[in-house]
Amino acid sequence: MDMETQIAIADNLRYLRNIFGYTQMELSDKIHICRSTYATYENGTKIPGTETIFNLAKLYNISVDTILDCHISKFLNNLIFIEDAHDSLRELVSIFHDLSPSGRVCLVEKADSILQEEQETKRQYKKELPGIPYLIR
């Protein structure tokens, strides 16, 4: 791996740790490695192995690709998208908890209904425009 890529990954790791508010010690404890080992990843001396990268992605709830992305603008866009999704999820969970038990049942039923409608729409698009990915239609 070239040094530029290694430094980009190190920068991503440092940025993520700081954004999530962990010290190197706290983070290394969470992913079950030595702090000094983690420090070598952040200073670009070593690249973490696949298990460590997977554990970091799981901890941060991001894709492995986001950690390995060497293009800063794409890396930041991925994080912004993830943060927006987390905000929406937190809002949905908060609303769910504020509802009465019957309101919760109604919310789940409505969500299921919306999901079924979207799945049916995807099936229709696939029939009408085979071979064209759904997302670009």
C-alpha atoms as a PDB file:
ATOM      1  CA  MET A   1       0.000   0.000   0.000  1.00  0.00           C
ATOM      2  CA  ASP A   2       1.378   3.415  -0.860  1.00  0.00           C
ATOM      3  CA  MET A   3       2.159   5.930   1.860  1.00  0.00           C
ATOM      4  CA  GLU A   4      -0.469   8.424   0.675  1.00  0.00           C
ATOM      5  CA  THR A   5      -3.219   5.831   1.119  1.00  0.00           C
ATOM      6  CA  GLN A   6      -1.837   4.794   4.489  1.00  0.00           C
ATOM      7  CA  ILE A   7      -1.830   8.410   5.712  1.00  0.00           C
ATOM      8  CA  ALA A   8      -5.396   8.938   4.415  1.00  0.00           C
ATOM      9  CA  ILE A   9      -6.615   5.903   6.381  1.00  0.00           C
ATOM     10  CA  ALA A  10      -4.744   7.137   9.471  1.00  0.00           C
ATOM     11  CA  ASP A  11      -6.413  10.548   9.113  1.00  0.00           C
ATOM     12  CA  ASN A  12      -9.831   8.896   8.752  1.00  0.00           C
ATOM     13  CA  LEU A  13      -9.279   6.860  11.916  1.00  0.00           C
ATOM     14  CA  ARG A  14      -8.186   9.912  13.906  1.00  0.00           C
ATOM     15  CA  TYR A  15     -11.102  11.980  12.588  1.00  0.00           C
ATOM     16  CA  LEU A  16     -13.660   9.293  13.436  1.00  0.00           C
ATOM     17  CA  ARG A  17     -12.286   8.792  16.933  1.00  0.00           C
ATOM     18  CA  ASN A  18     -12.394  12.530  17.608  1.00  0.00           C
ATOM     19  CA  ILE A  19     -15.898  12.939  16.153  1.00  0.00           C
ATOM     20  CA  PHE A  20     -17.203  10.152  18.367  1.00  0.00           C
ATOM     21  CA  GLY A  21     -15.365  11.585  21.381  1.00  0.00           C
ATOM     22  CA  TYR A  22     -13.159   8.631  22.275  1.00  0.00           C
ATOM     23  CA  THR A  23      -9.632   8.706  23.599  1.00  0.00           C
ATOM     24  CA  GLN A  24      -7.233   6.239  22.027  1.00  0.00           C
ATOM     25  CA  MET A  25      -7.413   4.182  25.222  1.00  0.00           C
ATOM     26  CA  GLU A  26     -11.228   4.087  25.266  1.00  0.00           C
ATOM     27  CA  LEU A  27     -11.364   3.122  21.619  1.00  0.00           C
ATOM     28  CA  SER A  28      -8.684   0.454  21.859  1.00  0.00           C
ATOM     29  CA  ASP A  29     -10.533  -1.066  24.838  1.00  0.00           C
ATOM     30  CA  LYS A  30     -13.777  -1.158  22.846  1.00  0.00           C
ATOM     31  CA  ILE A  31     -12.178  -3.034  19.953  1.00  0.00           C
ATOM     32  CA  HIS A  32      -9.940  -5.163  22.189  1.00  0.00           C
ATOM     33  CA  ILE A  33      -6.487  -4.077  21.061  1.00  0.00           C
ATOM     34  CA  CYS A  34      -3.587  -2.314  22.813  1.00  0.00           C
ATOM     35  CA  ARG A  35      -3.622   1.475  22.832  1.00  0.00           C
ATOM     36  CA  SER A  36      -0.097   1.537  21.413  1.00  0.00           C
ATOM     37  CA  THR A  37      -1.228  -0.648  18.507  1.00  0.00           C
ATOM     38  CA  TYR A  38      -4.116   1.679  17.782  1.00  0.00           C
ATOM     39  CA  ALA A  39      -1.749   4.664  17.958  1.00  0.00           C
ATOM     40  CA  THR A  40       0.350   3.131  15.158  1.00  0.00           C
ATOM     41  CA  TYR A  41      -2.785   3.058  12.989  1.00  0.00           C
ATOM     42  CA  GLU A  42      -3.534   6.725  13.629  1.00  0.00           C
ATOM     43  CA  ASN A  43       0.010   7.888  13.017  1.00  0.00           C
ATOM     44  CA  GLY A  44       0.171   5.927   9.763  1.00  0.00           C
ATOM     45  CA  THR A  45       2.958   3.576  10.826  1.00  0.00           C
ATOM     46  CA  LYS A  46       0.756   0.515  10.322  1.00  0.00           C
ATOM     47  CA  ILE A  47      -2.523  -0.313   8.635  1.00  0.00           C
ATOM     48  CA  PRO A  48      -5.125  -2.115  10.745  1.00  0.00           C
ATOM     49  CA  GLY A  49      -6.014  -5.652   9.757  1.00  0.00           C
ATOM     50  CA  THR A  50      -9.384  -6.634   8.379  1.00  0.00           C
ATOM     51  CA  GLU A  51     -10.769  -7.704  11.756  1.00  0.00           C
ATOM     52  CA  THR A  52      -9.840  -4.352  13.328  1.00  0.00           C
ATOM     53  CA  ILE A  53     -11.301  -2.394  10.405  1.00  0.00           C
ATOM     54  CA  PHE A  54     -14.481  -4.459  10.625  1.00  0.00           C
ATOM     55  CA  ASN A  55     -14.705  -3.866  14.392  1.00  0.00           C
ATOM     56  CA  LEU A  56     -14.204  -0.116  13.924  1.00  0.00           C
ATOM     57  CA  ALA A  57     -16.878   0.022  11.223  1.00  0.00           C
ATOM     58  CA  LYS A  58     -19.266  -1.861  13.500  1.00  0.00           C
ATOM     59  CA  LEU A  59     -18.472   0.421  16.452  1.00  0.00           C
ATOM     60  CA  TYR A  60     -19.040   3.587  14.407  1.00  0.00           C
ATOM     61  CA  ASN A  61     -21.966   2.054  12.492  1.00  0.00           C
ATOM     62  CA  ILE A  62     -20.377   2.906   9.146  1.00  0.00           C
ATOM     63  CA  SER A  63     -19.193   0.889   6.172  1.00  0.00           C
ATOM     64  CA  VAL A  64     -15.672  -0.459   5.909  1.00  0.00           C
ATOM     65  CA  ASP A  65     -15.410   1.539   2.676  1.00  0.00           C
ATOM     66  CA  THR A  66     -15.866   4.767   4.617  1.00  0.00           C
ATOM     67  CA  ILE A  67     -12.844   3.989   6.797  1.00  0.00           C
ATOM     68  CA  LEU A  68     -10.736   3.066   3.772  1.00  0.00           C
ATOM     69  CA  ASP A  69     -11.804   6.001   1.588  1.00  0.00           C
ATOM     70  CA  CYS A  70      -8.784   8.055   0.519  1.00  0.00           C
ATOM     71  CA  HIS A  71     -10.779  10.944  -0.937  1.00  0.00           C
ATOM     72  CA  ILE A  72     -11.561  13.410   1.855  1.00  0.00           C
ATOM     73  CA  SER A  73     -14.656  14.880   0.197  1.00  0.00           C
ATOM     74  CA  LYS A  74     -16.202  11.436  -0.324  1.00  0.00           C
ATOM     75  CA  PHE A  75     -15.240  10.418   3.220  1.00  0.00           C
ATOM     76  CA  LEU A  76     -16.930  13.507   4.683  1.00  0.00           C
ATOM     77  CA  ASN A  77     -20.012  13.085   2.478  1.00  0.00           C
ATOM     78  CA  ASN A  78     -20.375   9.491   3.704  1.00  0.00           C
ATOM     79  CA  LEU A  79     -20.180  10.668   7.309  1.00  0.00           C
ATOM     80  CA  ILE A  80     -22.678  13.468   6.733  1.00  0.00           C
ATOM     81  CA  PHE A  81     -25.110  11.004   5.166  1.00  0.00           C
ATOM     82  CA  ILE A  82     -24.635   8.596   8.076  1.00  0.00           C
ATOM     83  CA  GLU A  83     -25.154  11.387  10.629  1.00  0.00           C
ATOM     84  CA  ASP A  84     -28.348  12.490   8.839  1.00  0.00           C
ATOM     85  CA  ALA A  85     -29.600   8.895   8.904  1.00  0.00           C
ATOM     86  CA  HIS A  86     -28.760   8.632  12.603  1.00  0.00           C
ATOM     87  CA  ASP A  87     -30.668  11.879  13.284  1.00  0.00           C
ATOM     88  CA  SER A  88     -33.719  10.525  11.459  1.00  0.00           C
ATOM     89  CA  LEU A  89     -33.503   7.237  13.304  1.00  0.00           C
ATOM     90  CA  ARG A  90     -33.186   8.981  16.674  1.00  0.00           C
ATOM     91  CA  GLU A  91     -36.213  11.127  15.837  1.00  0.00           C
ATOM     92  CA  LEU A  92     -38.240   8.087  14.817  1.00  0.00           C
ATOM     93  CA  VAL A  93     -37.307   6.200  17.988  1.00  0.00           C
ATOM     94  CA  SER A  94     -38.175   9.235  20.103  1.00  0.00           C
ATOM     95  CA  ILE A  95     -41.584   9.531  18.438  1.00  0.00           C
ATOM     96  CA  PHE A  96     -42.157   5.794  18.899  1.00  0.00           C
ATOM     97  CA  HIS A  97     -41.381   6.013  22.623  1.00  0.00           C
ATOM     98  CA  ASP A  98     -43.722   9.003  23.049  1.00  0.00           C
ATOM     99  CA  LEU A  99     -46.663   7.125  21.553  1.00  0.00           C
ATOM    100  CA  SER A 100     -49.197   5.113  23.484  1.00  0.00           C
ATOM    101  CA  PRO A 101     -49.140   1.334  22.984  1.00  0.00           C
ATOM    102  CA  SER A 102     -51.942   1.550  20.422  1.00  0.00           C
ATOM    103  CA  GLY A 103     -50.164   4.437  18.677  1.00  0.00           C
ATOM    104  CA  ARG A 104     -47.038   2.290  18.438  1.00  0.00           C
ATOM    105  CA  VAL A 105     -49.031  -0.499  16.801  1.00  0.00           C
ATOM    106  CA  CYS A 106     -50.467   1.992  14.290  1.00  0.00           C
ATOM    107  CA  LEU A 107     -46.998   3.383  13.518  1.00  0.00           C
ATOM    108  CA  VAL A 108     -45.578  -0.085  12.863  1.00  0.00           C
ATOM    109  CA  GLU A 109     -48.590  -0.972  10.680  1.00  0.00           C
ATOM    110  CA  LYS A 110     -48.191   2.258   8.688  1.00  0.00           C
ATOM    111  CA  ALA A 111     -44.438   1.669   8.256  1.00  0.00           C
ATOM    112  CA  ASP A 112     -45.150  -1.880   7.048  1.00  0.00           C
ATOM    113  CA  SER A 113     -47.731  -0.540   4.590  1.00  0.00           C
ATOM    114  CA  ILE A 114     -45.259   2.031   3.207  1.00  0.00           C
ATOM    115  CA  LEU A 115     -42.589  -0.649   2.872  1.00  0.00           C
ATOM    116  CA  GLN A 116     -44.951  -2.923   0.941  1.00  0.00           C
ATOM    117  CA  GLU A 117     -45.905  -0.051  -1.391  1.00  0.00           C
ATOM    118  CA  GLU A 118     -42.236   0.730  -2.069  1.00  0.00           C
ATOM    119  CA  GLN A 119     -41.439  -2.924  -2.734  1.00  0.00           C
ATOM    120  CA  GLU A 120     -44.340  -3.135  -5.181  1.00  0.00           C
ATOM    121  CA  THR A 121     -43.123   0.032  -6.923  1.00  0.00           C
ATOM    122  CA  LYS A 122     -39.648  -1.509  -7.294  1.00  0.00           C
ATOM    123  CA  ARG A 123     -41.155  -4.674  -8.771  1.00  0.00           C
ATOM    124  CA  GLN A 124     -43.133  -2.602 -11.281  1.00  0.00           C
ATOM    125  CA  TYR A 125     -40.033  -0.643 -12.313  1.00  0.00           C
ATOM    126  CA  LYS A 126     -38.099  -3.865 -12.801  1.00  0.00           C
ATOM    127  CA  LYS A 127     -40.860  -5.171 -15.090  1.00  0.00           C
ATOM    128  CA  GLU A 128     -41.087  -1.908 -17.064  1.00  0.00           C
ATOM    129  CA  LEU A 129     -37.355  -1.152 -17.282  1.00  0.00           C
ATOM    130  CA  PRO A 130     -35.376  -4.364 -16.960  1.00  0.00           C
ATOM    131  CA  GLY A 131     -31.618  -4.002 -16.657  1.00  0.00           C
ATOM    132  CA  ILE A 132     -31.695  -0.425 -15.359  1.00  0.00           C
ATOM    133  CA  PRO A 133     -30.865  -0.015 -11.662  1.00  0.00           C
ATOM    134  CA  TYR A 134     -33.806   1.206  -9.588  1.00  0.00           C
ATOM    135  CA  LEU A 135     -31.849   4.040  -8.002  1.00  0.00           C
ATOM    136  CA  ILE A 136     -31.174   5.864 -11.258  1.00  0.00           C
ATOM    137  CA  ARG A 137     -34.754   5.824 -12.475  1.00  0.00           C
END
